[in-house]
């Protein structure tokens, strides 16, 4: 009877500890969102796998630079809702070329 009780207890403890076994981590990494003003306006996204997507920013009645900033913020906010967080922002500017770079981490 004691062996049966001991076996049942060990089985229960083993099953209980399995519930706390670490789960596989979500794939993460770094992502970049680049707002670029050079011969037009565009948002460039570089994913953790290296895939690049370019989204042109169309001018509206608003100022074109304002439209670019708005598109950057919308893209960054969308990524934040998907679990990404901004860890660094850098600005590059020379005459005729402007770039705002957001580095995100998951």
N, C-alpha and C. Protein backbone atom coordinates (compact mmCIF):
# COMPACT_ATOMS: atom_id res chain seq x y z
N UNK A 1 0.83 -1.19 0.00
CA UNK A 1 0.00 0.00 0.00
C UNK A 1 0.87 1.26 0.00
N UNK A 2 1.99 1.18 0.79
CA UNK A 2 2.88 2.34 0.85
C UNK A 2 3.53 2.59 -0.51
N UNK A 3 3.89 1.52 -1.24
CA UNK A 3 4.50 1.67 -2.55
C UNK A 3 3.52 2.30 -3.53
N UNK A 4 2.28 1.91 -3.46
CA UNK A 4 1.26 2.46 -4.33
C UNK A 4 1.05 3.95 -4.04
N UNK A 5 0.99 4.30 -2.74
CA UNK A 5 0.83 5.69 -2.34
C UNK A 5 2.04 6.52 -2.78
N UNK A 6 3.26 5.97 -2.59
CA UNK A 6 4.48 6.67 -3.00
C UNK A 6 4.52 6.86 -4.52
N UNK A 7 4.16 5.84 -5.26
CA UNK A 7 4.14 5.94 -6.73
C UNK A 7 3.12 6.97 -7.20
N UNK A 8 1.96 6.97 -6.60
CA UNK A 8 0.92 7.94 -6.97
C UNK A 8 1.37 9.36 -6.64
N UNK A 9 2.02 9.54 -5.51
CA UNK A 9 2.51 10.86 -5.11
C UNK A 9 3.58 11.36 -6.07
N UNK A 10 4.52 10.48 -6.43
CA UNK A 10 5.57 10.86 -7.37
C UNK A 10 5.00 11.21 -8.74
N UNK A 11 4.03 10.45 -9.17
CA UNK A 11 3.39 10.73 -10.45
C UNK A 11 2.67 12.08 -10.42
N UNK A 12 2.00 12.38 -9.33
CA UNK A 12 1.30 13.65 -9.18
C UNK A 12 2.29 14.82 -9.15
N UNK A 13 3.41 14.66 -8.44
CA UNK A 13 4.42 15.72 -8.38
C UNK A 13 5.04 15.94 -9.76
N UNK A 14 5.33 14.87 -10.47
CA UNK A 14 5.91 14.99 -11.81
C UNK A 14 4.95 15.70 -12.76
N UNK A 15 3.68 15.35 -12.69
CA UNK A 15 2.68 16.01 -13.55
C UNK A 15 2.52 17.48 -13.17
N UNK A 16 2.60 17.78 -11.88
CA UNK A 16 2.48 19.17 -11.43
C UNK A 16 3.65 20.02 -11.86
N UNK A 17 4.86 19.48 -11.83
CA UNK A 17 6.03 20.27 -12.23
C UNK A 17 6.06 20.47 -13.74
N UNK A 18 5.48 19.56 -14.50
CA UNK A 18 5.44 19.70 -15.95
C UNK A 18 4.65 20.96 -16.35
N UNK A 19 3.67 21.34 -15.53
CA UNK A 19 2.87 22.53 -15.82
C UNK A 19 3.71 23.79 -15.77
N UNK A 20 4.79 23.79 -15.01
CA UNK A 20 5.65 24.96 -14.88
C UNK A 20 6.89 24.88 -15.76
N UNK A 21 6.94 23.90 -16.64
CA UNK A 21 8.08 23.75 -17.55
C UNK A 21 8.10 24.95 -18.48
N UNK A 22 9.27 25.56 -18.72
CA UNK A 22 9.32 26.77 -19.56
C UNK A 22 8.81 26.51 -20.97
N UNK A 23 8.01 27.45 -21.44
CA UNK A 23 7.46 27.36 -22.79
C UNK A 23 8.47 27.95 -23.78
N UNK A 24 8.34 27.62 -25.03
CA UNK A 24 9.22 28.16 -26.06
C UNK A 24 8.99 29.66 -26.18
N UNK A 25 10.07 30.40 -26.27
CA UNK A 25 9.98 31.86 -26.37
C UNK A 25 9.46 32.26 -27.74
N UNK A 26 8.73 33.37 -27.77
CA UNK A 26 8.27 33.90 -29.04
C UNK A 26 9.46 34.38 -29.84
N UNK A 27 9.40 34.22 -31.15
CA UNK A 27 10.51 34.76 -31.93
C UNK A 27 10.54 36.28 -31.77
N UNK A 28 11.69 36.81 -31.53
CA UNK A 28 11.83 38.24 -31.31
C UNK A 28 12.90 38.79 -32.23
N UNK A 29 13.65 39.72 -31.71
CA UNK A 29 14.71 40.32 -32.48
C UNK A 29 14.53 41.81 -32.55
N UNK A 30 15.07 42.39 -33.58
CA UNK A 30 15.02 43.83 -33.78
C UNK A 30 14.38 44.15 -35.12
N UNK A 31 13.73 45.29 -35.17
CA UNK A 31 13.09 45.75 -36.39
C UNK A 31 13.41 47.24 -36.53
N UNK A 32 13.51 47.70 -37.77
CA UNK A 32 13.74 49.12 -38.01
C UNK A 32 12.60 49.70 -38.84
N UNK A 33 12.20 50.91 -38.45
CA UNK A 33 11.25 51.69 -39.22
C UNK A 33 11.97 52.98 -39.58
N UNK A 34 12.05 53.26 -40.87
CA UNK A 34 12.80 54.43 -41.35
C UNK A 34 11.86 55.33 -42.14
N UNK A 35 11.76 56.58 -41.69
CA UNK A 35 11.02 57.58 -42.43
C UNK A 35 12.02 58.37 -43.25
N UNK A 36 11.90 58.34 -44.57
CA UNK A 36 12.93 58.93 -45.42
C UNK A 36 12.33 59.99 -46.34
N UNK A 37 13.04 61.11 -46.40
CA UNK A 37 12.69 62.20 -47.32
C UNK A 37 13.88 62.41 -48.23
N UNK A 38 13.81 61.83 -49.40
CA UNK A 38 14.87 61.97 -50.40
C UNK A 38 14.26 61.62 -51.74
N UNK A 39 14.01 62.62 -52.59
CA UNK A 39 13.36 62.40 -53.87
C UNK A 39 12.00 61.74 -53.67
N UNK A 40 11.25 62.22 -52.70
CA UNK A 40 9.95 61.66 -52.35
C UNK A 40 9.96 61.24 -50.89
N UNK A 41 8.82 60.83 -50.42
CA UNK A 41 8.67 60.45 -49.01
C UNK A 41 8.28 58.99 -48.93
N UNK A 42 8.91 58.25 -47.99
CA UNK A 42 8.59 56.83 -47.86
C UNK A 42 8.87 56.34 -46.45
N UNK A 43 8.18 55.26 -46.09
CA UNK A 43 8.41 54.55 -44.84
C UNK A 43 9.00 53.20 -45.22
N UNK A 44 10.19 52.90 -44.69
CA UNK A 44 10.87 51.64 -44.98
C UNK A 44 10.86 50.82 -43.70
N UNK A 45 10.43 49.57 -43.79
CA UNK A 45 10.41 48.68 -42.64
C UNK A 45 11.34 47.50 -42.93
N UNK A 46 12.26 47.25 -42.00
CA UNK A 46 13.17 46.10 -42.12
C UNK A 46 12.84 45.16 -40.97
N UNK A 47 12.37 43.96 -41.30
CA UNK A 47 11.93 42.99 -40.31
C UNK A 47 13.13 42.22 -39.73
N UNK A 48 12.92 41.47 -38.63
CA UNK A 48 14.01 40.69 -38.04
C UNK A 48 14.61 39.67 -39.01
N UNK A 49 13.83 39.21 -39.98
CA UNK A 49 14.35 38.23 -40.95
C UNK A 49 15.08 38.90 -42.10
N UNK A 50 15.09 40.24 -42.12
CA UNK A 50 15.80 40.96 -43.17
C UNK A 50 14.92 41.40 -44.33
N UNK A 51 13.63 41.05 -44.28
CA UNK A 51 12.72 41.46 -45.34
C UNK A 51 12.50 42.96 -45.26
N UNK A 52 12.49 43.61 -46.41
CA UNK A 52 12.32 45.05 -46.49
C UNK A 52 11.03 45.37 -47.21
N UNK A 53 10.26 46.30 -46.63
CA UNK A 53 9.06 46.77 -47.33
C UNK A 53 9.13 48.30 -47.39
N UNK A 54 8.75 48.84 -48.53
CA UNK A 54 8.78 50.28 -48.75
C UNK A 54 7.35 50.74 -49.02
N UNK A 55 6.92 51.69 -48.21
CA UNK A 55 5.57 52.23 -48.33
C UNK A 55 5.69 53.71 -48.69
N UNK A 56 5.34 54.10 -49.90
CA UNK A 56 5.41 55.52 -50.25
C UNK A 56 4.38 56.32 -49.48
N UNK A 57 4.74 57.53 -49.11
CA UNK A 57 3.83 58.43 -48.41
C UNK A 57 3.33 59.44 -49.42
N UNK A 58 2.04 59.43 -49.64
CA UNK A 58 1.46 60.36 -50.61
C UNK A 58 1.18 61.69 -49.95
N UNK A 59 1.39 62.74 -50.70
CA UNK A 59 1.11 64.08 -50.20
C UNK A 59 -0.39 64.31 -50.21
N UNK A 60 -0.84 65.02 -49.21
CA UNK A 60 -2.25 65.40 -49.16
C UNK A 60 -2.31 66.92 -49.11
N UNK A 61 -3.39 67.43 -48.63
CA UNK A 61 -3.49 68.88 -48.47
C UNK A 61 -2.50 69.37 -47.40
N UNK A 62 -2.10 68.44 -46.53
CA UNK A 62 -1.16 68.80 -45.47
C UNK A 62 0.23 68.98 -46.05
N UNK A 63 1.08 69.51 -45.23
CA UNK A 63 2.50 69.61 -45.58
C UNK A 63 3.05 68.19 -45.76
N UNK A 64 3.89 67.97 -46.74
CA UNK A 64 4.41 66.64 -47.03
C UNK A 64 5.23 66.09 -45.87
N UNK A 65 6.02 66.94 -45.21
CA UNK A 65 6.83 66.47 -44.08
C UNK A 65 5.92 66.05 -42.92
N UNK A 66 4.83 66.77 -42.73
CA UNK A 66 3.87 66.38 -41.69
C UNK A 66 3.25 65.03 -42.02
N UNK A 67 2.94 64.79 -43.27
CA UNK A 67 2.37 63.50 -43.68
C UNK A 67 3.36 62.38 -43.41
N UNK A 68 4.65 62.63 -43.63
CA UNK A 68 5.67 61.62 -43.35
C UNK A 68 5.74 61.32 -41.86
N UNK A 69 5.75 62.34 -41.02
CA UNK A 69 5.80 62.13 -39.56
C UNK A 69 4.56 61.37 -39.09
N UNK A 70 3.42 61.71 -39.65
CA UNK A 70 2.18 61.03 -39.29
C UNK A 70 2.26 59.55 -39.66
N UNK A 71 2.77 59.24 -40.85
CA UNK A 71 2.90 57.85 -41.29
C UNK A 71 3.88 57.09 -40.41
N UNK A 72 4.97 57.75 -39.99
CA UNK A 72 5.94 57.10 -39.08
C UNK A 72 5.28 56.72 -37.77
N UNK A 73 4.58 57.68 -37.18
CA UNK A 73 3.94 57.43 -35.88
C UNK A 73 2.88 56.34 -35.98
N UNK A 74 2.10 56.35 -37.06
CA UNK A 74 1.09 55.30 -37.24
C UNK A 74 1.73 53.92 -37.33
N UNK A 75 2.84 53.82 -38.07
CA UNK A 75 3.54 52.54 -38.23
C UNK A 75 4.12 52.08 -36.89
N UNK A 76 4.78 52.99 -36.17
CA UNK A 76 5.39 52.63 -34.88
C UNK A 76 4.31 52.23 -33.87
N UNK A 77 3.20 52.96 -33.83
CA UNK A 77 2.10 52.60 -32.92
C UNK A 77 1.50 51.25 -33.26
N UNK A 78 1.38 50.94 -34.54
CA UNK A 78 0.88 49.64 -34.97
C UNK A 78 1.80 48.52 -34.48
N UNK A 79 3.10 48.73 -34.61
CA UNK A 79 4.06 47.71 -34.16
C UNK A 79 4.07 47.58 -32.65
N UNK A 80 3.88 48.70 -31.93
CA UNK A 80 3.83 48.64 -30.47
C UNK A 80 2.64 47.81 -30.01
N UNK A 81 1.52 47.90 -30.71
CA UNK A 81 0.35 47.09 -30.35
C UNK A 81 0.60 45.61 -30.59
N UNK A 82 1.58 45.29 -31.43
CA UNK A 82 1.94 43.89 -31.70
C UNK A 82 3.10 43.42 -30.84
N UNK A 83 3.43 44.16 -29.78
CA UNK A 83 4.45 43.70 -28.84
C UNK A 83 5.84 44.28 -29.03
N UNK A 84 6.05 45.14 -30.00
CA UNK A 84 7.35 45.74 -30.22
C UNK A 84 7.48 46.99 -29.36
N UNK A 85 8.71 47.32 -28.94
CA UNK A 85 8.92 48.56 -28.20
C UNK A 85 10.11 49.31 -28.80
N UNK A 86 9.98 50.62 -28.82
CA UNK A 86 11.03 51.47 -29.37
C UNK A 86 12.17 51.56 -28.36
N UNK A 87 13.39 51.23 -28.81
CA UNK A 87 14.54 51.32 -27.91
C UNK A 87 15.51 52.41 -28.30
N UNK A 88 15.38 52.93 -29.54
CA UNK A 88 16.29 54.00 -29.96
C UNK A 88 15.69 54.73 -31.16
N UNK A 89 15.96 56.03 -31.22
CA UNK A 89 15.54 56.85 -32.35
C UNK A 89 16.73 57.69 -32.78
N UNK A 90 16.99 57.75 -34.07
CA UNK A 90 18.12 58.49 -34.60
C UNK A 90 17.64 59.33 -35.78
N UNK A 91 18.20 60.52 -35.90
CA UNK A 91 17.88 61.41 -37.01
C UNK A 91 19.14 61.68 -37.81
N UNK A 92 19.03 61.54 -39.13
CA UNK A 92 20.12 61.86 -40.06
C UNK A 92 19.60 62.96 -40.97
N UNK A 93 20.38 64.03 -41.10
CA UNK A 93 19.91 65.13 -41.93
C UNK A 93 21.08 65.83 -42.63
N UNK A 94 20.98 65.93 -43.92
CA UNK A 94 21.88 66.75 -44.74
C UNK A 94 20.98 67.44 -45.76
N UNK A 95 21.42 68.51 -46.38
CA UNK A 95 20.55 69.19 -47.35
C UNK A 95 20.04 68.23 -48.43
N UNK A 96 18.74 68.21 -48.59
CA UNK A 96 18.11 67.35 -49.60
C UNK A 96 17.86 65.92 -49.15
N UNK A 97 18.20 65.59 -47.91
CA UNK A 97 18.04 64.22 -47.42
C UNK A 97 17.74 64.27 -45.92
N UNK A 98 16.67 63.60 -45.51
CA UNK A 98 16.33 63.53 -44.09
C UNK A 98 15.85 62.12 -43.80
N UNK A 99 16.27 61.60 -42.66
CA UNK A 99 15.91 60.22 -42.30
C UNK A 99 15.70 60.14 -40.80
N UNK A 100 14.58 59.58 -40.39
CA UNK A 100 14.28 59.32 -38.98
C UNK A 100 14.23 57.80 -38.83
N UNK A 101 15.08 57.25 -37.97
CA UNK A 101 15.20 55.80 -37.82
C UNK A 101 14.73 55.40 -36.43
N UNK A 102 13.78 54.45 -36.37
CA UNK A 102 13.29 53.90 -35.12
C UNK A 102 13.78 52.46 -35.02
N UNK A 103 14.46 52.13 -33.93
CA UNK A 103 14.89 50.76 -33.69
C UNK A 103 13.95 50.16 -32.66
N UNK A 104 13.34 49.03 -33.01
CA UNK A 104 12.36 48.38 -32.14
C UNK A 104 12.87 47.00 -31.73
N UNK A 105 12.42 46.56 -30.57
CA UNK A 105 12.83 45.27 -30.02
C UNK A 105 11.59 44.52 -29.54
N UNK A 106 11.63 43.20 -29.70
CA UNK A 106 10.53 42.38 -29.21
C UNK A 106 11.05 41.40 -28.20
